């Protein structure tokens, strides 16, 4: 693997394939962790995230973006279900 520098360098096909393989492995691991996480833990994580929104000044902007976010989720869902 080539060292990273500030300049953009081309990547060999082998390095690109290895990079994509590592991301595929990471993606499978993350999906497995999500499947293995209990619903109770997921709800605690969601509650913690929602509780942090006002402290980060997000609550006002969240309300304004609700419709756009809902529309994006519905588009993703339709494409996932093949209804696109």
C-alpha atoms as a PDB file:
ATOM      1  CA  UNK A   1       0.000   0.000   0.000  1.00  0.00           C
ATOM      2  CA  UNK A   2       1.287   3.462  -0.849  1.00  0.00           C
ATOM      3  CA  UNK A   3       1.857   6.047   1.889  1.00  0.00           C
ATOM      4  CA  UNK A   4      -0.692   8.842   2.065  1.00  0.00           C
ATOM      5  CA  UNK A   5       0.531  12.304   1.144  1.00  0.00           C
ATOM      6  CA  UNK A   6      -1.085  15.633   0.422  1.00  0.00           C
ATOM      7  CA  UNK A   7      -0.841  14.973  -3.310  1.00  0.00           C
ATOM      8  CA  UNK A   8      -3.394  12.841  -5.066  1.00  0.00           C
ATOM      9  CA  UNK A   9      -1.849   9.718  -6.465  1.00  0.00           C
ATOM     10  CA  UNK A  10      -3.333   7.025  -8.601  1.00  0.00           C
ATOM     11  CA  UNK A  11      -4.110   3.752  -6.939  1.00  0.00           C
ATOM     12  CA  UNK A  12      -3.277   0.412  -8.451  1.00  0.00           C
ATOM     13  CA  UNK A  13      -6.105  -1.971  -9.325  1.00  0.00           C
ATOM     14  CA  UNK A  14      -4.794  -4.364  -6.658  1.00  0.00           C
ATOM     15  CA  UNK A  15      -4.795  -1.649  -3.972  1.00  0.00           C
ATOM     16  CA  UNK A  16      -8.296  -0.577  -5.028  1.00  0.00           C
ATOM     17  CA  UNK A  17      -9.555  -4.161  -4.808  1.00  0.00           C
ATOM     18  CA  UNK A  18      -7.965  -4.608  -1.375  1.00  0.00           C
ATOM     19  CA  UNK A  19      -9.527  -1.342  -0.194  1.00  0.00           C
ATOM     20  CA  UNK A  20     -12.974  -2.398  -1.382  1.00  0.00           C
ATOM     21  CA  UNK A  21     -12.527  -5.813   0.220  1.00  0.00           C
ATOM     22  CA  UNK A  22     -11.705  -4.220   3.587  1.00  0.00           C
ATOM     23  CA  UNK A  23     -14.826  -2.047   3.366  1.00  0.00           C
ATOM     24  CA  UNK A  24     -16.923  -5.092   2.498  1.00  0.00           C
ATOM     25  CA  UNK A  25     -15.585  -6.910   5.572  1.00  0.00           C
ATOM     26  CA  UNK A  26     -16.260  -3.850   7.744  1.00  0.00           C
ATOM     27  CA  UNK A  27     -19.787  -3.537   6.339  1.00  0.00           C
ATOM     28  CA  UNK A  28     -20.581  -7.179   7.075  1.00  0.00           C
ATOM     29  CA  UNK A  29     -19.249  -6.781  10.617  1.00  0.00           C
ATOM     30  CA  UNK A  30     -21.331  -3.650  11.229  1.00  0.00           C
ATOM     31  CA  UNK A  31     -24.494  -5.314   9.921  1.00  0.00           C
ATOM     32  CA  UNK A  32     -23.858  -8.306  12.185  1.00  0.00           C
ATOM     33  CA  UNK A  33     -23.358  -6.029  15.192  1.00  0.00           C
ATOM     34  CA  UNK A  34     -26.646  -4.284  14.413  1.00  0.00           C
ATOM     35  CA  UNK A  35     -28.456  -7.629  14.196  1.00  0.00           C
ATOM     36  CA  UNK A  36     -26.885  -8.757  17.478  1.00  0.00           C
ATOM     37  CA  UNK A  37     -27.697  -5.550  19.391  1.00  0.00           C
ATOM     38  CA  UNK A  38     -30.757  -5.933  21.573  1.00  0.00           C
ATOM     39  CA  UNK A  39     -33.792  -3.735  21.024  1.00  0.00           C
ATOM     40  CA  UNK A  40     -33.355  -2.421  24.572  1.00  0.00           C
ATOM     41  CA  UNK A  41     -29.830  -1.240  23.788  1.00  0.00           C
ATOM     42  CA  UNK A  42     -30.958   0.335  20.523  1.00  0.00           C
ATOM     43  CA  UNK A  43     -33.708   2.227  22.343  1.00  0.00           C
ATOM     44  CA  UNK A  44     -31.233   3.459  24.979  1.00  0.00           C
ATOM     45  CA  UNK A  45     -28.907   4.651  22.208  1.00  0.00           C
ATOM     46  CA  UNK A  46     -31.763   6.433  20.453  1.00  0.00           C
ATOM     47  CA  UNK A  47     -32.872   8.093  23.686  1.00  0.00           C
ATOM     48  CA  UNK A  48     -29.320   9.293  24.368  1.00  0.00           C
ATOM     49  CA  UNK A  49     -29.025  10.689  20.850  1.00  0.00           C
ATOM     50  CA  UNK A  50     -32.353  12.492  21.089  1.00  0.00           C
ATOM     51  CA  UNK A  51     -31.472  13.888  24.519  1.00  0.00           C
ATOM     52  CA  UNK A  52     -28.235  15.329  23.127  1.00  0.00           C
ATOM     53  CA  UNK A  53     -29.950  17.249  20.294  1.00  0.00           C
ATOM     54  CA  UNK A  54     -31.016  20.311  22.351  1.00  0.00           C
ATOM     55  CA  UNK A  55     -27.586  20.573  23.983  1.00  0.00           C
ATOM     56  CA  UNK A  56     -26.032  20.732  20.530  1.00  0.00           C
ATOM     57  CA  UNK A  57     -28.507  23.305  19.263  1.00  0.00           C
ATOM     58  CA  UNK A  58     -30.133  20.899  16.834  1.00  0.00           C
ATOM     59  CA  UNK A  59     -33.729  20.951  18.023  1.00  0.00           C
ATOM     60  CA  UNK A  60     -34.795  24.013  16.025  1.00  0.00           C
ATOM     61  CA  UNK A  61     -33.225  22.844  12.802  1.00  0.00           C
ATOM     62  CA  UNK A  62     -34.575  19.322  13.224  1.00  0.00           C
ATOM     63  CA  UNK A  63     -38.156  20.553  13.085  1.00  0.00           C
ATOM     64  CA  UNK A  64     -37.460  22.465   9.874  1.00  0.00           C
ATOM     65  CA  UNK A  65     -35.907  19.433   8.193  1.00  0.00           C
ATOM     66  CA  UNK A  66     -38.465  16.798   9.231  1.00  0.00           C
ATOM     67  CA  UNK A  67     -40.392  16.783   5.950  1.00  0.00           C
ATOM     68  CA  UNK A  68     -37.259  16.611   3.806  1.00  0.00           C
ATOM     69  CA  UNK A  69     -35.846  13.780   5.896  1.00  0.00           C
ATOM     70  CA  UNK A  70     -39.116  11.844   5.774  1.00  0.00           C
ATOM     71  CA  UNK A  71     -39.169  12.199   1.987  1.00  0.00           C
ATOM     72  CA  UNK A  72     -35.572  10.940   1.705  1.00  0.00           C
ATOM     73  CA  UNK A  73     -36.357   7.924   3.899  1.00  0.00           C
ATOM     74  CA  UNK A  74     -39.428   7.113   1.834  1.00  0.00           C
ATOM     75  CA  UNK A  75     -37.400   7.335  -1.396  1.00  0.00           C
ATOM     76  CA  UNK A  76     -34.777   4.999   0.081  1.00  0.00           C
ATOM     77  CA  UNK A  77     -37.448   2.621   1.255  1.00  0.00           C
ATOM     78  CA  UNK A  78     -39.149   2.604  -2.142  1.00  0.00           C
ATOM     79  CA  UNK A  79     -35.839   1.868  -3.874  1.00  0.00           C
ATOM     80  CA  UNK A  80     -35.039  -0.884  -1.338  1.00  0.00           C
ATOM     81  CA  UNK A  81     -38.426  -2.487  -1.936  1.00  0.00           C
ATOM     82  CA  UNK A  82     -38.114  -2.118  -5.699  1.00  0.00           C
ATOM     83  CA  UNK A  83     -40.956   0.380  -5.902  1.00  0.00           C
ATOM     84  CA  UNK A  84     -38.705   3.134  -7.305  1.00  0.00           C
END
